Amino acid sequence: MPLQVRPAQPDDVPALARLAAATFPLACPPDSTPADQQAFIDAVLSPARFDEYLADPARTVLVADEDGELVGYTMLVAGTPTDADVRATLRLTPTVELSKCYVLAGHHGAGISNALMAASLEAAPADAAGIWLGVNQLNERAQRFYGRHGFRRVGVKHFQVGDRLEDDYVLERALDR
């Protein structure tokens, strides 16, 4: 079966949590510790949390399914950002956050992230004028990817990973409707 990007289903949750645990460290800065990464995974990327995400009408979770194996995922969160720094920098409202965008390392360069991005932009709420995300300031690979997809830096924010407070860029782009 070729790559299929589709909405996540409740029976995907165990595999989705494993995928999230495997991919989250790929986006962390080199000096983040495995303990801090694991604390974030336990708090934010557990099966119980993915059950909550799938039940939340403000969230859309998409998975990249390749021959029955989940190899990537994205999560959109509709609504006004809770972070004051983010709210102050965004130029387009209403907005939706691209909260997660991850692909397994062995599948980088295969077009999966492009397929996930296209599906995520398509899945954004019809009333959203823009889409935003936070990306670690040291993650140049991700910044280049988002730049190719029309995202531009509009500000900065902080992101808690375990005991560490990381510095992120806030990127934003208009949704073409």
Protein backbone atom coordinates (compact mmCIF):
# COMPACT_ATOMS: atom_id res chain seq x y z
CA MET A 1 0.00 0.00 0.00
CA PRO A 2 1.42 3.43 -0.88
CA LEU A 3 1.74 6.24 1.61
CA GLN A 4 -1.61 7.41 2.92
CA VAL A 5 -2.09 10.55 5.03
CA ARG A 6 -5.30 10.19 7.02
CA PRO A 7 -6.94 11.30 10.26
CA ALA A 8 -5.70 9.35 13.27
CA GLN A 9 -8.16 6.86 14.73
CA PRO A 10 -8.47 5.65 18.33
CA ASP A 11 -6.88 2.31 17.44
CA ASP A 12 -3.78 4.23 16.21
CA VAL A 13 -3.06 5.61 19.69
CA PRO A 14 -0.47 3.03 20.86
CA ALA A 15 1.50 3.28 17.60
CA LEU A 16 1.09 7.06 17.55
CA ALA A 17 2.52 7.39 21.06
CA ARG A 18 5.49 5.17 20.08
CA LEU A 19 6.01 7.28 16.95
CA ALA A 20 5.89 10.50 18.99
CA ALA A 21 8.40 9.11 21.50
CA ALA A 22 10.77 8.12 18.68
CA THR A 23 10.53 11.39 16.77
CA PHE A 24 10.37 14.09 19.46
CA PRO A 25 14.09 13.78 20.37
CA LEU A 26 14.97 14.43 16.71
CA ALA A 27 13.76 18.04 17.07
CA CYS A 28 15.47 18.73 20.39
CA PRO A 29 18.66 20.79 20.59
CA PRO A 30 21.87 18.78 21.01
CA ASP A 31 22.35 19.82 24.62
CA SER A 32 18.91 18.70 25.80
CA THR A 33 19.11 15.71 28.07
CA PRO A 34 17.43 12.35 27.55
CA ALA A 35 15.80 12.80 30.99
CA ASP A 36 14.23 16.12 29.97
CA GLN A 37 13.10 14.65 26.66
CA GLN A 38 11.55 11.67 28.45
CA ALA A 39 9.77 13.94 30.93
CA PHE A 40 8.17 15.78 27.99
CA ILE A 41 7.25 12.52 26.27
CA ASP A 42 5.66 11.20 29.46
CA ALA A 43 3.70 14.41 30.07
CA VAL A 44 2.64 15.34 26.53
CA LEU A 45 3.05 12.35 24.20
CA SER A 46 1.68 9.42 26.19
CA PRO A 47 -1.12 7.16 24.96
CA ALA A 48 -3.48 8.79 27.48
CA ARG A 49 -2.66 12.24 26.10
CA PHE A 50 -3.22 11.07 22.51
CA ASP A 51 -6.61 9.70 23.59
CA GLU A 52 -7.38 13.23 24.85
CA TYR A 53 -6.10 14.86 21.67
CA LEU A 54 -8.25 12.66 19.44
CA ALA A 55 -11.33 13.46 21.55
CA ASP A 56 -10.68 17.23 21.46
CA PRO A 57 -12.76 18.92 18.72
CA ALA A 58 -10.19 21.75 18.49
CA ARG A 59 -7.46 19.29 17.46
CA THR A 60 -6.82 17.44 14.24
CA VAL A 61 -4.25 14.65 14.27
CA LEU A 62 -3.10 13.31 10.92
CA VAL A 63 -0.90 10.26 10.42
CA ALA A 64 1.30 9.14 7.55
CA ASP A 65 0.58 5.45 7.12
CA GLU A 66 2.98 3.47 4.95
CA ASP A 67 2.01 -0.16 4.47
CA GLY A 68 0.23 -0.22 7.83
CA GLU A 69 3.12 1.43 9.73
CA LEU A 70 2.79 4.95 11.10
CA VAL A 71 5.88 6.85 9.91
CA GLY A 72 4.88 10.45 10.63
CA TYR A 73 2.20 12.66 12.10
CA THR A 74 0.99 16.21 12.53
CA MET A 75 -1.33 17.88 15.00
CA LEU A 76 -3.32 21.06 14.40
CA VAL A 77 -4.80 23.06 17.27
CA ALA A 78 -7.49 25.58 16.34
CA GLY A 79 -8.15 28.69 18.36
CA THR A 80 -6.44 31.62 19.98
CA PRO A 81 -2.97 30.73 21.31
CA THR A 82 -2.69 30.60 25.08
CA ASP A 83 0.91 31.91 25.02
CA ALA A 84 0.97 35.73 25.31
CA ASP A 85 4.27 35.97 23.38
CA VAL A 86 2.73 34.07 20.49
CA ARG A 87 -0.47 36.13 20.51
CA ALA A 88 1.59 39.33 20.40
CA THR A 89 3.57 38.25 17.32
CA LEU A 90 0.93 36.68 15.09
CA ARG A 91 -0.34 38.82 12.26
CA LEU A 92 -3.09 36.60 10.88
CA THR A 93 -6.27 35.78 12.78
CA PRO A 94 -8.15 33.60 13.25
CA THR A 95 -5.30 31.14 13.37
CA VAL A 96 -4.46 27.48 13.81
CA GLU A 97 -1.29 26.05 15.32
CA LEU A 98 0.74 23.33 13.66
CA SER A 99 1.62 21.86 17.04
CA LYS A 100 3.42 18.73 15.85
CA CYS A 101 5.06 17.73 12.57
CA TYR A 102 7.32 14.69 12.82
CA VAL A 103 8.58 11.89 10.57
CA LEU A 104 10.69 8.88 11.58
CA ALA A 105 14.39 9.46 10.89
CA GLY A 106 14.66 6.51 8.49
CA HIS A 107 11.95 8.08 6.33
CA HIS A 108 13.40 11.60 6.02
CA GLY A 109 13.80 12.74 2.43
CA ALA A 110 11.06 10.45 1.11
CA GLY A 111 8.42 13.17 0.68
CA ILE A 112 6.43 12.14 3.74
CA SER A 113 6.82 15.49 5.50
CA ASN A 114 5.68 17.27 2.32
CA ALA A 115 2.59 15.05 2.13
CA LEU A 116 1.84 15.66 5.81
CA MET A 117 2.25 19.43 5.38
CA ALA A 118 -0.06 19.51 2.36
CA ALA A 119 -2.70 17.48 4.20
CA SER A 120 -2.34 19.66 7.32
CA LEU A 121 -2.82 22.88 5.35
CA GLU A 122 -5.87 21.32 3.71
CA ALA A 123 -7.26 20.20 7.09
CA ALA A 124 -6.93 23.64 8.71
CA PRO A 125 -10.28 25.14 9.73
CA ALA A 126 -12.00 26.99 6.89
CA ASP A 127 -12.18 30.22 8.91
CA ALA A 128 -8.44 30.30 9.72
CA ALA A 129 -6.53 33.09 7.97
CA GLY A 130 -3.14 31.83 9.11
CA ILE A 131 -1.21 28.92 10.54
CA TRP A 132 1.67 29.20 13.00
CA LEU A 133 4.20 26.97 14.73
CA GLY A 134 7.11 27.08 17.13
CA VAL A 135 10.46 25.62 16.09
CA ASN A 136 13.61 25.38 18.18
CA GLN A 137 16.07 28.09 17.25
CA LEU A 138 18.82 25.49 16.76
CA ASN A 139 16.76 23.22 14.50
CA GLU A 140 17.94 24.60 11.16
CA ARG A 141 16.73 21.59 9.16
CA ALA A 142 13.15 22.13 10.33
CA GLN A 143 13.41 25.88 9.76
CA ARG A 144 14.48 25.29 6.14
CA PHE A 145 11.58 22.85 5.64
CA TYR A 146 9.03 25.30 7.01
CA GLY A 147 10.54 28.11 4.95
CA ARG A 148 10.05 26.05 1.78
CA HIS A 149 6.38 25.80 2.76
CA GLY A 150 5.90 29.55 3.08
CA PHE A 151 6.40 30.02 6.82
CA ARG A 152 8.22 33.18 7.94
CA ARG A 153 9.67 34.13 11.30
CA VAL A 154 7.46 36.59 13.18
CA GLY A 155 8.65 36.28 16.78
CA VAL A 156 10.04 34.15 19.58
CA LYS A 157 8.62 32.11 22.43
CA HIS A 158 9.77 29.70 25.11
CA PHE A 159 9.08 25.97 25.18
CA GLN A 160 9.38 23.81 28.29
CA VAL A 161 11.11 20.43 27.87
CA GLY A 162 11.47 18.75 31.24
CA ASP A 163 13.46 21.12 33.45
CA ARG A 164 14.77 23.15 30.49
CA LEU A 165 13.27 26.25 28.96
CA GLU A 166 14.06 26.21 25.23
CA ASP A 167 13.98 29.17 22.85
CA ASP A 168 11.76 28.79 19.79
CA TYR A 169 11.09 30.93 16.77
CA VAL A 170 7.44 31.58 15.99
CA LEU A 171 6.77 31.04 12.30
CA GLU A 172 3.59 31.97 10.48
CA ARG A 173 2.09 31.76 7.01
CA ALA A 174 -1.17 32.71 5.37
CA LEU A 175 -3.58 29.96 4.44
CA ASP A 176 -4.46 30.07 0.79
CA ARG A 177 -8.22 29.73 0.50
